PDB file of N, CA and C in Angstrom:
ATOM      1  N   MET A   1       0.803  -1.175   0.042  1.00  0.00           N
ATOM      2  CA  MET A   1      -0.018  -0.008   0.000  1.00  0.00           C
ATOM      3  C   MET A   1       0.932   1.245  -0.011  1.00  0.00           C
ATOM      4  N   THR A   2       0.475   2.258  -0.626  1.00  0.00           N
ATOM      5  CA  THR A   2       1.178   3.501  -0.676  1.00  0.00           C
ATOM      6  C   THR A   2       0.113   4.524  -0.427  1.00  0.00           C
ATOM      7  N   GLY A   3       0.500   5.706   0.122  1.00  0.00           N
ATOM      8  CA  GLY A   3      -0.494   6.731   0.323  1.00  0.00           C
ATOM      9  C   GLY A   3       0.181   8.126   0.542  1.00  0.00           C
ATOM     10  N   ASN A   4      -0.740   9.238   0.731  1.00  0.00           N
ATOM     11  CA  ASN A   4      -0.150  10.455   1.078  1.00  0.00           C
ATOM     12  C   ASN A   4      -1.145  11.121   2.107  1.00  0.00           C
ATOM     13  N   SER A   5      -0.747  12.398   2.421  1.00  0.00           N
ATOM     14  CA  SER A   5      -1.541  13.089   3.436  1.00  0.00           C
ATOM     15  C   SER A   5      -2.968  13.520   3.114  1.00  0.00           C
ATOM     16  N   ASP A   6      -3.201  13.368   1.807  1.00  0.00           N
ATOM     17  CA  ASP A   6      -4.671  13.727   1.254  1.00  0.00           C
ATOM     18  C   ASP A   6      -5.521  12.655   1.500  1.00  0.00           C
ATOM     19  N   GLY A   7      -5.017  11.499   1.895  1.00  0.00           N
ATOM     20  CA  GLY A   7      -5.937  10.240   2.103  1.00  0.00           C
ATOM     21  C   GLY A   7      -5.941   9.350   0.884  1.00  0.00           C
ATOM     22  N   VAL A   8      -5.432   9.643  -0.260  1.00  0.00           N
ATOM     23  CA  VAL A   8      -5.354   8.810  -1.449  1.00  0.00           C
ATOM     24  C   VAL A   8      -4.473   7.531  -1.138  1.00  0.00           C
ATOM     25  N   ARG A   9      -4.936   6.440  -1.391  1.00  0.00           N
ATOM     26  CA  ARG A   9      -4.048   5.230  -1.189  1.00  0.00           C
ATOM     27  C   ARG A   9      -3.968   4.446  -2.441  1.00  0.00           C
ATOM     28  N   GLY A  10      -2.931   3.777  -2.620  1.00  0.00           N
ATOM     29  CA  GLY A  10      -2.741   2.620  -3.699  1.00  0.00           C
ATOM     30  C   GLY A  10      -2.441   1.354  -3.169  1.00  0.00           C
ATOM     31  N   PHE A  11      -2.925   0.281  -3.800  1.00  0.00           N
ATOM     32  CA  PHE A  11      -2.659  -1.131  -3.324  1.00  0.00           C
ATOM     33  C   PHE A  11      -2.024  -1.999  -4.388  1.00  0.00           C
ATOM     34  N   THR A  12      -1.223  -2.909  -3.902  1.00  0.00           N
ATOM     35  CA  THR A  12      -0.880  -4.134  -4.737  1.00  0.00           C
ATOM     36  C   THR A  12      -1.206  -5.280  -3.990  1.00  0.00           C
ATOM     37  N   ALA A  13      -1.405  -6.339  -4.868  1.00  0.00           N
ATOM     38  CA  ALA A  13      -1.723  -7.744  -4.174  1.00  0.00           C
ATOM     39  C   ALA A  13      -0.548  -8.153  -3.259  1.00  0.00           C
ATOM     40  N   GLU A  14       0.594  -7.791  -3.608  1.00  0.00           N
ATOM     41  CA  GLU A  14       1.922  -8.198  -2.924  1.00  0.00           C
ATOM     42  C   GLU A  14       1.976  -7.370  -1.685  1.00  0.00           C
ATOM     43  N   GLY A  15       1.453  -6.201  -1.642  1.00  0.00           N
ATOM     44  CA  GLY A  15       1.575  -5.449  -0.432  1.00  0.00           C
ATOM     45  C   GLY A  15       0.479  -5.662   0.652  1.00  0.00           C
ATOM     46  N   ILE A  16      -0.532  -6.562   0.368  1.00  0.00           N
ATOM     47  CA  ILE A  16      -1.691  -6.775   1.238  1.00  0.00           C
ATOM     48  C   ILE A  16      -1.161  -7.695   2.328  1.00  0.00           C
ATOM     49  N   GLU A  17      -1.455  -7.336   3.578  1.00  0.00           N
ATOM     50  CA  GLU A  17      -1.251  -8.208   4.760  1.00  0.00           C
ATOM     51  C   GLU A  17      -2.729  -8.689   5.191  1.00  0.00           C
ATOM     52  N   GLY A  18      -2.596  -9.787   5.990  1.00  0.00           N
ATOM     53  CA  GLY A  18      -3.802 -10.339   6.542  1.00  0.00           C
ATOM     54  C   GLY A  18      -4.638 -11.128   5.529  1.00  0.00           C
ATOM     55  N   TRP A  19      -4.040 -11.777   4.610  1.00  0.00           N
ATOM     56  CA  TRP A  19      -4.815 -12.691   3.580  1.00  0.00           C
ATOM     57  C   TRP A  19      -5.588 -13.724   4.471  1.00  0.00           C
ATOM     58  N   ARG A  20      -6.743 -13.911   4.132  1.00  0.00           N
ATOM     59  CA  ARG A  20      -7.547 -15.080   4.635  1.00  0.00           C
ATOM     60  C   ARG A  20      -7.691 -16.166   3.725  1.00  0.00           C
ATOM     61  N   ALA A  21      -7.677 -17.420   4.151  1.00  0.00           N
ATOM     62  CA  ALA A  21      -7.712 -18.546   3.080  1.00  0.00           C
ATOM     63  C   ALA A  21      -8.802 -19.597   3.639  1.00  0.00           C
ATOM     64  N   TRP A  22      -9.448 -20.232   2.649  1.00  0.00           N
ATOM     65  CA  TRP A  22     -10.283 -21.385   2.830  1.00  0.00           C
ATOM     66  C   TRP A  22     -10.186 -22.293   1.819  1.00  0.00           C
ATOM     67  N   ASP A  23     -10.982 -23.452   1.753  1.00  0.00           N
ATOM     68  CA  ASP A  23     -10.794 -24.423   0.686  1.00  0.00           C
ATOM     69  C   ASP A  23      -9.470 -24.921   0.697  1.00  0.00           C
ATOM     70  N   GLU A  24      -8.831 -25.362   1.878  1.00  0.00           N
ATOM     71  CA  GLU A  24      -7.520 -25.896   2.008  1.00  0.00           C
ATOM     72  C   GLU A  24      -6.473 -24.982   1.328  1.00  0.00           C
ATOM     73  N   GLY A  25      -6.608 -23.542   1.487  1.00  0.00           N
ATOM     74  CA  GLY A  25      -5.801 -22.676   0.971  1.00  0.00           C
ATOM     75  C   GLY A  25      -5.885 -22.352  -0.447  1.00  0.00           C
ATOM     76  N   ARG A  26      -6.870 -22.966  -1.183  1.00  0.00           N
ATOM     77  CA  ARG A  26      -7.068 -22.756  -2.653  1.00  0.00           C
ATOM     78  C   ARG A  26      -7.723 -21.494  -3.051  1.00  0.00           C
ATOM     79  N   VAL A  27      -8.455 -20.804  -1.965  1.00  0.00           N
ATOM     80  CA  VAL A  27      -9.008 -19.560  -2.231  1.00  0.00           C
ATOM     81  C   VAL A  27      -8.604 -18.655  -1.213  1.00  0.00           C
ATOM     82  N   ARG A  28      -8.009 -17.441  -1.538  1.00  0.00           N
ATOM     83  CA  ARG A  28      -7.541 -16.513  -0.628  1.00  0.00           C
ATOM     84  C   ARG A  28      -8.091 -15.045  -0.935  1.00  0.00           C
ATOM     85  N   ILE A  29      -8.294 -14.373   0.054  1.00  0.00           N
ATOM     86  CA  ILE A  29      -8.949 -13.033   0.040  1.00  0.00           C
ATOM     87  C   ILE A  29      -7.964 -12.139   0.765  1.00  0.00           C
ATOM     88  N   GLY A  30      -7.594 -10.929   0.015  1.00  0.00           N
ATOM     89  CA  GLY A  30      -6.583 -10.058   0.558  1.00  0.00           C
ATOM     90  C   GLY A  30      -7.293  -8.635   0.781  1.00  0.00           C
ATOM     91  N   PRO A  31      -7.827  -8.343   1.968  1.00  0.00           N
ATOM     92  CA  PRO A  31      -8.507  -7.128   2.190  1.00  0.00           C
ATOM     93  C   PRO A  31      -7.611  -5.895   2.006  1.00  0.00           C
ATOM     94  N   ALA A  32      -8.174  -4.834   1.358  1.00  0.00           N
ATOM     95  CA  ALA A  32      -7.510  -3.571   1.073  1.00  0.00           C
ATOM     96  C   ALA A  32      -8.218  -2.443   1.727  1.00  0.00           C
ATOM     97  N   VAL A  33      -9.473  -2.302   1.515  1.00  0.00           N
ATOM     98  CA  VAL A  33     -10.358  -1.306   2.142  1.00  0.00           C
ATOM     99  C   VAL A  33     -11.547  -1.971   2.669  1.00  0.00           C
ATOM    100  N   GLY A  34     -11.886  -1.630   3.980  1.00  0.00           N
ATOM    101  CA  GLY A  34     -12.990  -2.209   4.606  1.00  0.00           C
ATOM    102  C   GLY A  34     -13.935  -1.250   5.377  1.00  0.00           C
ATOM    103  N   LYS A  35     -14.920  -1.860   6.098  1.00  0.00           N
ATOM    104  CA  LYS A  35     -15.846  -1.213   6.775  1.00  0.00           C
ATOM    105  C   LYS A  35     -15.089  -0.258   7.892  1.00  0.00           C
ATOM    106  N   GLU A  36     -14.002  -0.667   8.438  1.00  0.00           N
ATOM    107  CA  GLU A  36     -13.323   0.090   9.446  1.00  0.00           C
ATOM    108  C   GLU A  36     -12.727   1.374   8.824  1.00  0.00           C
ATOM    109  N   ASP A  37     -12.725   1.433   7.467  1.00  0.00           N
ATOM    110  CA  ASP A  37     -12.125   2.742   6.883  1.00  0.00           C
ATOM    111  C   ASP A  37     -13.218   3.816   6.853  1.00  0.00           C
ATOM    112  N   GLY A  38     -14.503   3.480   7.248  1.00  0.00           N
ATOM    113  CA  GLY A  38     -15.466   4.478   7.282  1.00  0.00           C
ATOM    114  C   GLY A  38     -16.112   4.836   6.017  1.00  0.00           C
ATOM    115  N   GLY A  39     -15.833   4.165   4.775  1.00  0.00           N
ATOM    116  CA  GLY A  39     -16.475   4.603   3.637  1.00  0.00           C
ATOM    117  C   GLY A  39     -17.593   3.671   3.326  1.00  0.00           C
ATOM    118  N   PRO A  40     -18.151   3.789   2.143  1.00  0.00           N
ATOM    119  CA  PRO A  40     -19.375   3.068   1.725  1.00  0.00           C
ATOM    120  C   PRO A  40     -19.168   1.735   0.986  1.00  0.00           C
ATOM    121  N   LEU A  41     -17.838   1.445   0.793  1.00  0.00           N
ATOM    122  CA  LEU A  41     -17.399   0.183   0.099  1.00  0.00           C
ATOM    123  C   LEU A  41     -16.278  -0.426   0.559  1.00  0.00           C
ATOM    124  N   SER A  42     -16.088  -1.783   0.254  1.00  0.00           N
ATOM    125  CA  SER A  42     -14.920  -2.566   0.455  1.00  0.00           C
ATOM    126  C   SER A  42     -14.145  -2.939  -0.713  1.00  0.00           C
ATOM    127  N   ALA A  43     -12.951  -3.084  -0.732  1.00  0.00           N
ATOM    128  CA  ALA A  43     -12.050  -3.448  -1.891  1.00  0.00           C
ATOM    129  C   ALA A  43     -11.074  -4.538  -1.417  1.00  0.00           C
ATOM    130  N   TYR A  44     -10.954  -5.514  -2.155  1.00  0.00           N
ATOM    131  CA  TYR A  44     -10.054  -6.578  -1.890  1.00  0.00           C
ATOM    132  C   TYR A  44      -9.517  -7.320  -3.181  1.00  0.00           C
ATOM    133  N   TYR A  45      -8.484  -8.101  -2.951  1.00  0.00           N
ATOM    134  CA  TYR A  45      -7.947  -8.965  -3.999  1.00  0.00           C
ATOM    135  C   TYR A  45      -8.529 -10.413  -3.673  1.00  0.00           C
ATOM    136  N   ALA A  46      -8.647 -11.226  -4.665  1.00  0.00           N
ATOM    137  CA  ALA A  46      -9.108 -12.633  -4.530  1.00  0.00           C
ATOM    138  C   ALA A  46      -8.230 -13.450  -5.305  1.00  0.00           C
ATOM    139  N   ARG A  47      -7.764 -14.583  -4.838  1.00  0.00           N
ATOM    140  CA  ARG A  47      -6.886 -15.407  -5.610  1.00  0.00           C
ATOM    141  C   ARG A  47      -7.505 -16.866  -5.474  1.00  0.00           C
ATOM    142  N   PHE A  48      -7.689 -17.521  -6.624  1.00  0.00           N
ATOM    143  CA  PHE A  48      -8.248 -18.889  -6.735  1.00  0.00           C
ATOM    144  C   PHE A  48      -7.259 -19.681  -7.528  1.00  0.00           C
ATOM    145  N   ASP A  49      -6.964 -20.780  -6.919  1.00  0.00           N
ATOM    146  CA  ASP A  49      -6.080 -21.770  -7.677  1.00  0.00           C
ATOM    147  C   ASP A  49      -6.920 -22.467  -8.691  1.00  0.00           C
ATOM    148  N   ARG A  50      -6.252 -22.948  -9.716  1.00  0.00           N
ATOM    149  CA  ARG A  50      -7.029 -23.747 -10.797  1.00  0.00           C
ATOM    150  C   ARG A  50      -7.905 -24.727 -10.277  1.00  0.00           C
ATOM    151  N   GLY A  51      -9.166 -24.733 -10.542  1.00  0.00           N
ATOM    152  CA  GLY A  51     -10.057 -25.777 -10.281  1.00  0.00           C
ATOM    153  C   GLY A  51     -10.926 -25.333  -9.000  1.00  0.00           C
ATOM    154  N   ALA A  52     -10.435 -24.336  -8.260  1.00  0.00           N
ATOM    155  CA  ALA A  52     -10.972 -23.984  -7.032  1.00  0.00           C
ATOM    156  C   ALA A  52     -12.556 -23.339  -7.319  1.00  0.00           C
ATOM    157  N   THR A  53     -13.397 -23.537  -6.373  1.00  0.00           N
ATOM    158  CA  THR A  53     -14.796 -22.981  -6.644  1.00  0.00           C
ATOM    159  C   THR A  53     -15.217 -22.196  -5.355  1.00  0.00           C
ATOM    160  N   ALA A  54     -16.105 -21.219  -5.614  1.00  0.00           N
ATOM    161  CA  ALA A  54     -16.621 -20.489  -4.533  1.00  0.00           C
ATOM    162  C   ALA A  54     -18.145 -20.334  -4.719  1.00  0.00           C
ATOM    163  N   ALA A  55     -18.972 -20.519  -3.866  1.00  0.00           N
ATOM    164  CA  ALA A  55     -20.444 -20.406  -4.029  1.00  0.00           C
ATOM    165  C   ALA A  55     -20.788 -18.892  -3.762  1.00  0.00           C
ATOM    166  N   LEU A  56     -21.851 -18.529  -4.591  1.00  0.00           N
ATOM    167  CA  LEU A  56     -22.596 -17.293  -4.321  1.00  0.00           C
ATOM    168  C   LEU A  56     -23.652 -17.707  -3.480  1.00  0.00           C
ATOM    169  N   PRO A  57     -24.565 -16.871  -3.021  1.00  0.00           N
ATOM    170  CA  PRO A  57     -24.584 -15.420  -2.990  1.00  0.00           C
ATOM    171  C   PRO A  57     -23.595 -14.777  -2.042  1.00  0.00           C
ATOM    172  N   ALA A  58     -23.423 -13.518  -2.189  1.00  0.00           N
ATOM    173  CA  ALA A  58     -22.829 -12.667  -1.209  1.00  0.00           C
ATOM    174  C   ALA A  58     -23.876 -11.701  -0.927  1.00  0.00           C
ATOM    175  N   PRO A  59     -23.981 -11.228   0.448  1.00  0.00           N
ATOM    176  CA  PRO A  59     -24.993 -10.286   0.695  1.00  0.00           C
ATOM    177  C   PRO A  59     -24.751  -8.859   0.339  1.00  0.00           C
ATOM    178  N   TRP A  60     -23.853  -8.602  -0.654  1.00  0.00           N
ATOM    179  CA  TRP A  60     -23.544  -7.241  -1.043  1.00  0.00           C
ATOM    180  C   TRP A  60     -23.334  -7.236  -2.566  1.00  0.00           C
ATOM    181  N   GLU A  61     -23.487  -6.130  -3.216  1.00  0.00           N
ATOM    182  CA  GLU A  61     -23.254  -6.025  -4.564  1.00  0.00           C
ATOM    183  C   GLU A  61     -21.801  -5.871  -4.841  1.00  0.00           C
ATOM    184  N   GLU A  62     -21.280  -6.548  -5.874  1.00  0.00           N
ATOM    185  CA  GLU A  62     -19.768  -6.651  -6.239  1.00  0.00           C
ATOM    186  C   GLU A  62     -19.503  -6.257  -7.583  1.00  0.00           C
ATOM    187  N   VAL A  63     -18.320  -5.801  -8.000  1.00  0.00           N
ATOM    188  CA  VAL A  63     -17.752  -5.775  -9.228  1.00  0.00           C
ATOM    189  C   VAL A  63     -16.411  -6.317  -9.142  1.00  0.00           C
ATOM    190  N   TRP A  64     -16.156  -7.347 -10.034  1.00  0.00           N
ATOM    191  CA  TRP A  64     -14.921  -8.020 -10.043  1.00  0.00           C
ATOM    192  C   TRP A  64     -14.167  -7.611 -11.389  1.00  0.00           C
ATOM    193  N   VAL A  65     -12.913  -7.402 -11.306  1.00  0.00           N
ATOM    194  CA  VAL A  65     -11.953  -7.246 -12.462  1.00  0.00           C
ATOM    195  C   VAL A  65     -11.019  -8.394 -12.470  1.00  0.00           C
ATOM    196  N   VAL A  66     -10.995  -9.217 -13.557  1.00  0.00           N
ATOM    197  CA  VAL A  66     -10.025 -10.348 -13.704  1.00  0.00           C
ATOM    198  C   VAL A  66      -8.713  -9.686 -13.941  1.00  0.00           C
ATOM    199  N   LEU A  67      -7.751  -9.842 -13.170  1.00  0.00           N
ATOM    200  CA  LEU A  67      -6.377  -9.369 -13.381  1.00  0.00           C
ATOM    201  C   LEU A  67      -5.517 -10.465 -14.072  1.00  0.00           C
ATOM    202  N   ALA A  68      -5.715 -11.649 -13.752  1.00  0.00           N
ATOM    203  CA  ALA A  68      -4.953 -12.774 -14.371  1.00  0.00           C
ATOM    204  C   ALA A  68      -5.727 -14.068 -14.346  1.00  0.00           C
ATOM    205  N   GLY A  69      -5.531 -14.875 -15.228  1.00  0.00           N
ATOM    206  CA  GLY A  69      -6.139 -16.130 -15.292  1.00  0.00           C
ATOM    207  C   GLY A  69      -7.533 -16.039 -15.897  1.00  0.00           C
ATOM    208  N   SER A  70      -8.528 -17.069 -15.546  1.00  0.00           N
ATOM    209  CA  SER A  70      -9.877 -17.097 -16.168  1.00  0.00           C
ATOM    210  C   SER A  70     -10.720 -17.836 -15.270  1.00  0.00           C
ATOM    211  N   LEU A  71     -11.999 -17.518 -15.365  1.00  0.00           N
ATOM    212  CA  LEU A  71     -12.983 -18.058 -14.443  1.00  0.00           C
ATOM    213  C   LEU A  71     -14.207 -18.293 -15.353  1.00  0.00           C
ATOM    214  N   ILE A  72     -15.071 -19.182 -14.709  1.00  0.00           N
ATOM    215  CA  ILE A  72     -16.522 -19.361 -15.205  1.00  0.00           C
ATOM    216  C   ILE A  72     -17.397 -19.148 -14.027  1.00  0.00           C
ATOM    217  N   LEU A  73     -18.394 -18.229 -14.278  1.00  0.00           N
ATOM    218  CA  LEU A  73     -19.414 -17.855 -13.259  1.00  0.00           C
ATOM    219  C   LEU A  73     -20.847 -18.393 -13.700  1.00  0.00           C
ATOM    220  N   ARG A  74     -21.288 -19.406 -13.011  1.00  0.00           N
ATOM    221  CA  ARG A  74     -22.589 -19.933 -13.346  1.00  0.00           C
ATOM    222  C   ARG A  74     -23.649 -19.609 -12.476  1.00  0.00           C
ATOM    223  N   THR A  75     -24.740 -19.166 -13.093  1.00  0.00           N
ATOM    224  CA  THR A  75     -25.949 -18.780 -12.264  1.00  0.00           C
ATOM    225  C   THR A  75     -27.128 -19.558 -12.820  1.00  0.00           C
ATOM    226  N   PRO A  76     -28.253 -19.614 -12.205  1.00  0.00           N
ATOM    227  CA  PRO A  76     -29.444 -20.298 -12.738  1.00  0.00           C
ATOM    228  C   PRO A  76     -29.715 -19.758 -14.196  1.00  0.00           C
ATOM    229  N   ASP A  77     -29.480 -18.550 -14.456  1.00  0.00           N
ATOM    230  CA  ASP A  77     -29.885 -18.006 -15.849  1.00  0.00           C
ATOM    231  C   ASP A  77     -28.839 -17.971 -16.833  1.00  0.00           C
ATOM    232  N   ARG A  78     -27.477 -18.003 -16.468  1.00  0.00           N
ATOM    233  CA  ARG A  78     -26.473 -17.897 -17.549  1.00  0.00           C
ATOM    234  C   ARG A  78     -25.199 -18.397 -17.038  1.00  0.00           C
ATOM    235  N   THR A  79     -24.237 -18.493 -17.983  1.00  0.00           N
ATOM    236  CA  THR A  79     -22.849 -18.908 -17.690  1.00  0.00           C
ATOM    237  C   THR A  79     -21.977 -17.839 -18.433  1.00  0.00           C
ATOM    238  N   VAL A  80     -21.068 -17.173 -17.575  1.00  0.00           N
ATOM    239  CA  VAL A  80     -20.191 -16.159 -17.988  1.00  0.00           C
ATOM    240  C   VAL A  80     -18.786 -16.625 -17.921  1.00  0.00           C
ATOM    241  N   THR A  81     -17.959 -16.521 -18.927  1.00  0.00           N
ATOM    242  CA  THR A  81     -16.533 -16.753 -18.797  1.00  0.00           C
ATOM    243  C   THR A  81     -15.792 -15.459 -18.883  1.00  0.00           C
ATOM    244  N   ALA A  82     -14.795 -15.353 -18.069  1.00  0.00           N
ATOM    245  CA  ALA A  82     -14.116 -13.991 -18.006  1.00  0.00           C
ATOM    246  C   ALA A  82     -12.576 -14.245 -17.829  1.00  0.00           C
ATOM    247  N   GLY A  83     -11.861 -13.387 -18.516  1.00  0.00           N
ATOM    248  CA  GLY A  83     -10.385 -13.429 -18.474  1.00  0.00           C
ATOM    249  C   GLY A  83      -9.757 -12.056 -18.265  1.00  0.00           C
ATOM    250  N   PRO A  84      -8.482 -12.001 -18.263  1.00  0.00           N
ATOM    251  CA  PRO A  84      -7.741 -10.725 -17.999  1.00  0.00           C
ATOM    252  C   PRO A  84      -8.391  -9.580 -18.581  1.00  0.00           C
ATOM    253  N   GLY A  85      -8.586  -8.533 -17.808  1.00  0.00           N
ATOM    254  CA  GLY A  85      -9.227  -7.206 -18.222  1.00  0.00           C
ATOM    255  C   GLY A  85     -10.734  -7.270 -18.204  1.00  0.00           C
ATOM    256  N   ASP A  86     -11.388  -8.477 -18.045  1.00  0.00           N
ATOM    257  CA  ASP A  86     -12.935  -8.507 -17.993  1.00  0.00           C
ATOM    258  C   ASP A  86     -13.305  -8.062 -16.831  1.00  0.00           C
ATOM    259  N   LEU A  87     -14.500  -7.491 -16.852  1.00  0.00           N
ATOM    260  CA  LEU A  87     -15.203  -6.933 -15.486  1.00  0.00           C
ATOM    261  C   LEU A  87     -16.561  -7.600 -15.462  1.00  0.00           C
ATOM    262  N   LEU A  88     -16.840  -8.099 -14.154  1.00  0.00           N
ATOM    263  CA  LEU A  88     -18.137  -8.795 -13.938  1.00  0.00           C
ATOM    264  C   LEU A  88     -18.879  -8.006 -12.831  1.00  0.00           C
ATOM    265  N   HIS A  89     -20.137  -7.808 -13.043  1.00  0.00           N
ATOM    266  CA  HIS A  89     -21.106  -7.249 -12.148  1.00  0.00           C
ATOM    267  C   HIS A  89     -21.917  -8.326 -11.522  1.00  0.00           C
ATOM    268  N   VAL A  90     -21.811  -8.467 -10.124  1.00  0.00           N
ATOM    269  CA  VAL A  90     -22.506  -9.647  -9.378  1.00  0.00           C
ATOM    270  C   VAL A  90     -23.404  -8.915  -8.377  1.00  0.00           C
ATOM    271  N   PRO A  91     -24.824  -8.864  -8.757  1.00  0.00           N
ATOM    272  CA  PRO A  91     -25.666  -8.209  -7.778  1.00  0.00           C
ATOM    273  C   PRO A  91     -25.744  -9.045  -6.432  1.00  0.00           C
ATOM    274  N   ALA A  92     -26.212  -8.293  -5.367  1.00  0.00           N
ATOM    275  CA  ALA A  92     -26.375  -8.822  -4.010  1.00  0.00           C
ATOM    276  C   ALA A  92     -27.218 -10.032  -4.144  1.00  0.00           C
ATOM    277  N   ASP A  93     -26.885 -11.107  -3.303  1.00  0.00           N
ATOM    278  CA  ASP A  93     -27.729 -12.268  -3.284  1.00  0.00           C
ATOM    279  C   ASP A  93     -28.025 -13.014  -4.498  1.00  0.00           C
ATOM    280  N   SER A  94     -26.967 -12.874  -5.437  1.00  0.00           N
ATOM    281  CA  SER A  94     -27.128 -13.591  -6.780  1.00  0.00           C
ATOM    282  C   SER A  94     -26.722 -15.039  -6.431  1.00  0.00           C
ATOM    283  N   PRO A  95     -27.505 -16.020  -6.876  1.00  0.00           N
ATOM    284  CA  PRO A  95     -27.174 -17.438  -6.664  1.00  0.00           C
ATOM    285  C   PRO A  95     -26.206 -17.897  -7.830  1.00  0.00           C
ATOM    286  N   GLY A  96     -25.265 -18.676  -7.448  1.00  0.00           N
ATOM    287  CA  GLY A  96     -24.419 -19.239  -8.419  1.00  0.00           C
ATOM    288  C   GLY A  96     -23.132 -19.866  -7.906  1.00  0.00           C
ATOM    289  N   GLU A  97     -22.202 -20.051  -8.733  1.00  0.00           N
ATOM    290  CA  GLU A  97     -20.838 -20.544  -8.331  1.00  0.00           C
ATOM    291  C   GLU A  97     -19.770 -20.012  -9.302  1.00  0.00           C
ATOM    292  N   LEU A  98     -18.732 -19.754  -8.832  1.00  0.00           N
ATOM    293  CA  LEU A  98     -17.471 -19.361  -9.426  1.00  0.00           C
ATOM    294  C   LEU A  98     -16.545 -20.495  -9.545  1.00  0.00           C
ATOM    295  N   ARG A  99     -15.953 -20.724 -10.715  1.00  0.00           N
ATOM    296  CA  ARG A  99     -14.816 -21.893 -10.907  1.00  0.00           C
ATOM    297  C   ARG A  99     -13.658 -21.285 -11.608  1.00  0.00           C
ATOM    298  N   ALA A 100     -12.519 -21.408 -11.043  1.00  0.00           N
ATOM    299  CA  ALA A 100     -11.269 -20.834 -11.688  1.00  0.00           C
ATOM    300  C   ALA A 100     -10.791 -21.856 -12.621  1.00  0.00           C
ATOM    301  N   GLU A 101     -10.771 -21.435 -13.892  1.00  0.00           N
ATOM    302  CA  GLU A 101     -10.289 -22.383 -14.915  1.00  0.00           C
ATOM    303  C   GLU A 101      -8.747 -22.488 -14.942  1.00  0.00           C
ATOM    304  N   GLU A 102      -8.050 -21.589 -14.348  1.00  0.00           N
ATOM    305  CA  GLU A 102      -6.598 -21.638 -14.149  1.00  0.00           C
ATOM    306  C   GLU A 102      -6.451 -20.818 -12.914  1.00  0.00           C
ATOM    307  N   ASP A 103      -5.073 -20.612 -12.411  1.00  0.00           N
ATOM    308  CA  ASP A 103      -4.755 -19.787 -11.305  1.00  0.00           C
ATOM    309  C   ASP A 103      -5.402 -18.476 -11.634  1.00  0.00           C
ATOM    310  N   THR A 104      -6.236 -17.766 -10.852  1.00  0.00           N
ATOM    311  CA  THR A 104      -6.812 -16.605 -11.128  1.00  0.00           C
ATOM    312  C   THR A 104      -6.792 -15.518 -10.077  1.00  0.00           C
ATOM    313  N   THR A 105      -6.483 -14.212 -10.490  1.00  0.00           N
ATOM    314  CA  THR A 105      -6.498 -13.109  -9.416  1.00  0.00           C
ATOM    315  C   THR A 105      -7.550 -12.119  -9.876  1.00  0.00           C
ATOM    316  N   LEU A 106      -8.366 -11.722  -8.852  1.00  0.00           N
ATOM    317  CA  LEU A 106      -9.417 -10.680  -9.123  1.00  0.00           C
ATOM    318  C   LEU A 106      -9.209  -9.470  -8.209  1.00  0.00           C
ATOM    319  N   ALA A 107      -9.509  -8.363  -8.690  1.00  0.00           N
ATOM    320  CA  ALA A 107      -9.634  -7.189  -7.835  1.00  0.00           C
ATOM    321  C   ALA A 107     -11.151  -6.958  -7.752  1.00  0.00           C
ATOM    322  N   CYS A 108     -11.601  -6.734  -6.402  1.00  0.00           N
ATOM    323  CA  CYS A 108     -13.101  -6.778  -6.189  1.00  0.00           C
ATOM    324  C   CYS A 108     -13.472  -5.639  -5.367  1.00  0.00           C
ATOM    325  N   VAL A 109     -14.634  -5.040  -5.615  1.00  0.00           N
ATOM    326  CA  VAL A 109     -15.125  -3.843  -4.951  1.00  0.00           C
ATOM    327  C   VAL A 109     -16.607  -4.190  -4.545  1.00  0.00           C
ATOM    328  N   SER A 110     -17.006  -4.056  -3.248  1.00  0.00           N
ATOM    329  CA  SER A 110     -18.289  -4.390  -2.659  1.00  0.00           C
ATOM    330  C   SER A 110     -19.053  -3.210  -2.089  1.00  0.00           C
ATOM    331  N   VAL A 111     -20.308  -3.183  -2.276  1.00  0.00           N
ATOM    332  CA  VAL A 111     -21.135  -2.131  -1.621  1.00  0.00           C
ATOM    333  C   VAL A 111     -22.366  -2.905  -1.124  1.00  0.00           C
ATOM    334  N   PRO A 112     -22.671  -2.684   0.302  1.00  0.00           N
ATOM    335  CA  PRO A 112     -21.922  -1.811   1.168  1.00  0.00           C
ATOM    336  C   PRO A 112     -20.604  -2.342   1.787  1.00  0.00           C
ATOM    337  N   ALA A 113     -19.963  -1.564   2.474  1.00  0.00           N
ATOM    338  CA  ALA A 113     -18.634  -2.014   3.156  1.00  0.00           C
ATOM    339  C   ALA A 113     -18.892  -3.156   4.025  1.00  0.00           C
ATOM    340  N   HIS A 114     -18.013  -4.070   4.141  1.00  0.00           N
ATOM    341  CA  HIS A 114     -18.049  -5.172   4.959  1.00  0.00           C
ATOM    342  C   HIS A 114     -16.715  -5.462   5.645  1.00  0.00           C
TER     343      HIS A 114
END
């Protein structure tokens, strides 16, 4: 993380501390901005090993940007494949499942903050 006295901050996945893991370490979340920062949103990095899955829904609205790798997001209504540079909008409480087709890194923003 880098910052200045005006409150602007920058983040890199490598600079994030406090990564949380589940699915035997195959899914990792690295928080950057959270509820404790007092703003209306959260931002974090997510890393998925090839073949890892994560169930939806999340109780907040999210936007994901695929930084590396690829994933398939399946919902009852559609299947979306995303790769580097693609952006996904995931409404709150959307049912479905994400599957990493290869090692994948996402940048994620959620509203409200959590």
